[in-house]
Structures are given as structure tokens and as C-alpha cells.
């Protein structure tokens, strides 16, 4: 009776086998996490707030001046009409 010394030896865990069986789940999980991070970072870029706190991430920044954005869009529209 050769019993294993450790219960972990009974599992015979093989990482390649796990990825082969659960590749669709892992792809979905990684894609979902990436999409969620993309939404959070997009929110931070579009926000006009000077201080942003999302969970454990915080940011103090100077938001871009709204007048500068309007002027640059007006200049681009004038160049398109020429």
C-alpha cells in the first residue's frame, strides 16, 4: 500500500490540461477584465474632475481647459471647408 504522503500528490494537477479544458472560460475572463479596465480608464480620461477616486485607484490632475478644445475644433472645421 503506497499511499501518497501529501494530499496534493493525489490531484495530479497539470496546467496544460487545465488550459486545454478551460480555454474558453479563461479567454472570456481575461476579455471581461480588460474591458472593465478600459471602461474605467476611459472614464478617467473623459472626466472633468480634478480628483478621481475609484476603489484603490486615485488620481489628482488638472483637467484640460474646455475653451482650448472648442478653439481647436473650430480651427479644424475651417480647414475642412477650404
N, C-alpha and C. Protein backbone atom coordinates (compact mmCIF):
# COMPACT_ATOMS: atom_id res chain seq x y z
N UNK A 1 0.83 -1.18 0.00
CA UNK A 1 0.00 0.00 0.00
C UNK A 1 0.88 1.25 0.00
N UNK A 2 1.08 1.77 -1.14
CA UNK A 2 1.85 3.00 -1.28
C UNK A 2 0.91 4.19 -1.31
N UNK A 3 0.62 4.74 -0.17
CA UNK A 3 -0.24 5.91 -0.10
C UNK A 3 0.62 7.16 -0.23
N UNK A 4 0.11 8.16 -0.90
CA UNK A 4 0.88 9.40 -1.02
C UNK A 4 1.04 10.08 0.34
N UNK A 5 2.15 10.77 0.51
CA UNK A 5 2.43 11.45 1.76
C UNK A 5 1.63 12.73 1.91
N UNK A 6 1.30 13.35 0.81
CA UNK A 6 0.62 14.64 0.83
C UNK A 6 -0.65 14.54 -0.02
N UNK A 7 -1.76 15.09 0.41
CA UNK A 7 -2.99 15.03 -0.40
C UNK A 7 -2.85 15.73 -1.76
N UNK A 8 -1.93 16.66 -1.87
CA UNK A 8 -1.74 17.37 -3.13
C UNK A 8 -1.22 16.41 -4.21
N UNK A 9 -0.47 15.41 -3.81
CA UNK A 9 0.05 14.44 -4.77
C UNK A 9 -1.08 13.63 -5.41
N UNK A 10 -2.21 13.54 -4.77
CA UNK A 10 -3.34 12.80 -5.31
C UNK A 10 -4.01 13.54 -6.47
N UNK A 11 -3.85 14.84 -6.51
CA UNK A 11 -4.55 15.63 -7.51
C UNK A 11 -3.97 15.49 -8.91
N UNK A 12 -2.68 15.33 -9.05
CA UNK A 12 -2.01 15.27 -10.35
C UNK A 12 -2.42 16.46 -11.22
N UNK A 13 -2.25 17.65 -10.69
CA UNK A 13 -2.63 18.87 -11.39
C UNK A 13 -1.64 19.15 -12.50
N UNK A 14 -2.17 19.33 -13.71
CA UNK A 14 -1.36 19.64 -14.87
C UNK A 14 -1.90 20.93 -15.48
N UNK A 15 -1.08 21.98 -15.51
CA UNK A 15 -1.52 23.29 -16.01
C UNK A 15 -1.92 23.23 -17.47
N UNK A 16 -1.22 22.46 -18.28
CA UNK A 16 -1.56 22.36 -19.70
C UNK A 16 -2.95 21.74 -19.87
N UNK A 17 -3.25 20.77 -19.05
CA UNK A 17 -4.56 20.13 -19.12
C UNK A 17 -5.66 21.10 -18.71
N UNK A 18 -5.41 21.91 -17.70
CA UNK A 18 -6.39 22.89 -17.25
C UNK A 18 -6.68 23.89 -18.35
N UNK A 19 -5.65 24.43 -19.01
CA UNK A 19 -5.86 25.40 -20.07
C UNK A 19 -6.54 24.78 -21.28
N UNK A 20 -6.27 23.53 -21.54
CA UNK A 20 -6.93 22.85 -22.66
C UNK A 20 -8.42 22.70 -22.40
N UNK A 21 -8.78 22.35 -21.19
CA UNK A 21 -10.18 22.13 -20.86
C UNK A 21 -10.96 23.43 -20.68
N UNK A 22 -10.30 24.47 -20.17
CA UNK A 22 -11.00 25.70 -19.81
C UNK A 22 -10.52 26.91 -20.61
N UNK A 23 -10.08 26.71 -21.83
CA UNK A 23 -9.54 27.83 -22.61
C UNK A 23 -10.59 28.88 -22.92
N UNK A 24 -11.82 28.47 -23.19
CA UNK A 24 -12.89 29.42 -23.49
C UNK A 24 -13.20 30.28 -22.27
N UNK A 25 -13.27 29.66 -21.12
CA UNK A 25 -13.53 30.40 -19.88
C UNK A 25 -12.41 31.41 -19.61
N UNK A 26 -11.17 30.98 -19.76
CA UNK A 26 -10.04 31.88 -19.49
C UNK A 26 -10.03 33.06 -20.47
N UNK A 27 -10.33 32.80 -21.73
CA UNK A 27 -10.39 33.86 -22.72
C UNK A 27 -11.50 34.86 -22.39
N UNK A 28 -12.65 34.35 -21.98
CA UNK A 28 -13.75 35.22 -21.59
C UNK A 28 -13.41 36.02 -20.34
N UNK A 29 -12.76 35.41 -19.38
CA UNK A 29 -12.39 36.09 -18.15
C UNK A 29 -11.39 37.21 -18.42
N UNK A 30 -10.35 36.92 -19.18
CA UNK A 30 -9.34 37.94 -19.50
C UNK A 30 -9.96 39.07 -20.32
N UNK A 31 -10.83 38.74 -21.26
CA UNK A 31 -11.50 39.76 -22.06
C UNK A 31 -12.40 40.65 -21.23
N UNK A 32 -13.13 40.07 -20.29
CA UNK A 32 -14.02 40.84 -19.42
C UNK A 32 -13.25 41.78 -18.51
N UNK A 33 -12.17 41.29 -17.94
CA UNK A 33 -11.35 42.14 -17.07
C UNK A 33 -10.72 43.28 -17.87
N UNK A 34 -10.24 42.99 -19.06
CA UNK A 34 -9.65 44.03 -19.91
C UNK A 34 -10.68 45.08 -20.30
N UNK A 35 -11.89 44.64 -20.61
CA UNK A 35 -12.95 45.58 -20.97
C UNK A 35 -13.32 46.47 -19.78
N UNK A 36 -13.40 45.88 -18.60
CA UNK A 36 -13.73 46.67 -17.41
C UNK A 36 -12.65 47.71 -17.12
N UNK A 37 -11.40 47.33 -17.25
CA UNK A 37 -10.31 48.30 -17.04
C UNK A 37 -10.35 49.39 -18.11
N UNK A 38 -10.68 49.03 -19.33
CA UNK A 38 -10.80 50.01 -20.40
C UNK A 38 -11.89 51.03 -20.13
N UNK A 39 -13.02 50.57 -19.59
CA UNK A 39 -14.12 51.48 -19.25
C UNK A 39 -13.70 52.43 -18.14
N UNK A 40 -13.01 51.92 -17.14
CA UNK A 40 -12.57 52.76 -16.01
C UNK A 40 -11.56 53.81 -16.50
N UNK A 41 -10.59 53.41 -17.30
CA UNK A 41 -9.60 54.36 -17.78
C UNK A 41 -10.21 55.37 -18.75
N UNK A 42 -11.18 54.95 -19.55
CA UNK A 42 -11.86 55.87 -20.45
C UNK A 42 -12.65 56.92 -19.65
N UNK A 43 -13.28 56.47 -18.57
CA UNK A 43 -13.99 57.39 -17.68
C UNK A 43 -13.03 58.44 -17.11
N UNK A 44 -11.86 57.99 -16.69
CA UNK A 44 -10.87 58.91 -16.10
C UNK A 44 -10.40 59.93 -17.13
N UNK A 45 -10.21 59.52 -18.37
CA UNK A 45 -9.74 60.44 -19.40
C UNK A 45 -10.80 61.47 -19.79
N UNK A 46 -12.07 61.06 -19.82
CA UNK A 46 -13.14 61.97 -20.24
C UNK A 46 -13.68 62.82 -19.11
N UNK A 47 -13.33 62.51 -17.88
CA UNK A 47 -13.85 63.22 -16.73
C UNK A 47 -13.28 64.63 -16.65
N UNK A 48 -14.09 65.56 -16.16
CA UNK A 48 -13.65 66.94 -15.93
C UNK A 48 -13.29 67.17 -14.47
N UNK A 49 -13.29 66.12 -13.68
CA UNK A 49 -12.97 66.24 -12.26
C UNK A 49 -11.46 66.38 -12.07
N UNK A 50 -11.07 67.13 -11.05
CA UNK A 50 -9.65 67.28 -10.76
C UNK A 50 -9.14 66.20 -9.81
N UNK A 51 -10.05 65.56 -9.08
CA UNK A 51 -9.66 64.47 -8.18
C UNK A 51 -10.60 63.29 -8.43
N UNK A 52 -10.02 62.14 -8.80
CA UNK A 52 -10.80 60.95 -9.12
C UNK A 52 -10.39 59.83 -8.18
N UNK A 53 -11.37 59.21 -7.52
CA UNK A 53 -11.13 58.05 -6.65
C UNK A 53 -12.04 56.92 -7.10
N UNK A 54 -11.44 55.83 -7.58
CA UNK A 54 -12.18 54.65 -7.99
C UNK A 54 -11.56 53.46 -7.27
N UNK A 55 -12.23 52.99 -6.25
CA UNK A 55 -11.70 51.86 -5.49
C UNK A 55 -10.35 52.19 -4.87
N UNK A 56 -9.34 51.43 -5.22
CA UNK A 56 -8.00 51.67 -4.68
C UNK A 56 -7.16 52.55 -5.60
N UNK A 57 -7.73 53.06 -6.67
CA UNK A 57 -7.02 53.94 -7.61
C UNK A 57 -7.47 55.37 -7.37
N UNK A 58 -6.53 56.28 -7.17
CA UNK A 58 -6.86 57.69 -7.02
C UNK A 58 -5.94 58.51 -7.91
N UNK A 59 -6.46 59.65 -8.35
CA UNK A 59 -5.71 60.48 -9.29
C UNK A 59 -6.03 61.94 -9.01
N UNK A 60 -5.00 62.76 -8.86
CA UNK A 60 -5.13 64.21 -8.78
C UNK A 60 -4.56 64.77 -10.07
N UNK A 61 -5.38 65.52 -10.80
CA UNK A 61 -4.93 66.02 -12.09
C UNK A 61 -5.56 67.36 -12.40
N UNK A 62 -5.04 68.01 -13.40
CA UNK A 62 -5.61 69.25 -13.90
C UNK A 62 -6.34 68.93 -15.20
N UNK A 63 -7.67 69.01 -15.22
CA UNK A 63 -8.39 68.67 -16.44
C UNK A 63 -8.11 69.69 -17.54
N UNK A 64 -8.19 69.28 -18.80
CA UNK A 64 -7.94 70.21 -19.89
C UNK A 64 -8.99 71.32 -19.91
N UNK A 65 -8.57 72.49 -20.33
CA UNK A 65 -9.45 73.64 -20.40
C UNK A 65 -10.45 73.42 -21.54
N UNK A 66 -11.73 73.66 -21.28
CA UNK A 66 -12.76 73.42 -22.28
C UNK A 66 -12.65 74.38 -23.44
N UNK A 67 -12.21 75.62 -23.21
CA UNK A 67 -12.10 76.61 -24.28
C UNK A 67 -11.08 76.18 -25.33
N UNK A 68 -10.00 75.56 -24.91
CA UNK A 68 -8.96 75.12 -25.84
C UNK A 68 -9.52 74.05 -26.78
N UNK A 69 -10.35 73.17 -26.26
CA UNK A 69 -10.95 72.12 -27.08
C UNK A 69 -11.87 72.71 -28.14
N UNK A 70 -12.66 73.69 -27.77
CA UNK A 70 -13.59 74.31 -28.71
C UNK A 70 -12.82 75.05 -29.80
N UNK A 71 -11.77 75.77 -29.45
CA UNK A 71 -10.97 76.51 -30.43
C UNK A 71 -10.32 75.55 -31.41
N UNK A 72 -9.76 74.46 -30.94
CA UNK A 72 -9.09 73.54 -31.85
C UNK A 72 -10.10 72.86 -32.78
N UNK A 73 -11.31 72.59 -32.31
CA UNK A 73 -12.33 72.01 -33.18
C UNK A 73 -12.78 73.02 -34.22
N UNK A 74 -12.88 74.29 -33.85
CA UNK A 74 -13.26 75.33 -34.80
C UNK A 74 -12.21 75.49 -35.88
N UNK A 75 -10.93 75.45 -35.50
CA UNK A 75 -9.85 75.56 -36.49
C UNK A 75 -9.88 74.38 -37.44
N UNK A 76 -10.13 73.19 -36.96
CA UNK A 76 -10.19 72.02 -37.83
C UNK A 76 -11.36 72.10 -38.81
N UNK A 77 -12.50 72.64 -38.36
CA UNK A 77 -13.66 72.77 -39.24
C UNK A 77 -13.40 73.80 -40.32
N UNK A 78 -12.70 74.90 -40.00
CA UNK A 78 -12.40 75.92 -41.00
C UNK A 78 -11.46 75.38 -42.06
N UNK A 79 -10.51 74.55 -41.71
CA UNK A 79 -9.57 73.98 -42.68
C UNK A 79 -10.26 72.97 -43.59
N UNK A 80 -11.31 72.32 -43.12
CA UNK A 80 -12.02 71.35 -43.95
C UNK A 80 -12.83 72.04 -45.05
N UNK A 81 -13.27 73.27 -44.81
CA UNK A 81 -14.11 73.98 -45.78
C UNK A 81 -13.30 74.58 -46.92
N UNK A 82 -11.99 74.67 -46.77
CA UNK A 82 -11.16 75.32 -47.79
C UNK A 82 -10.94 74.42 -48.97
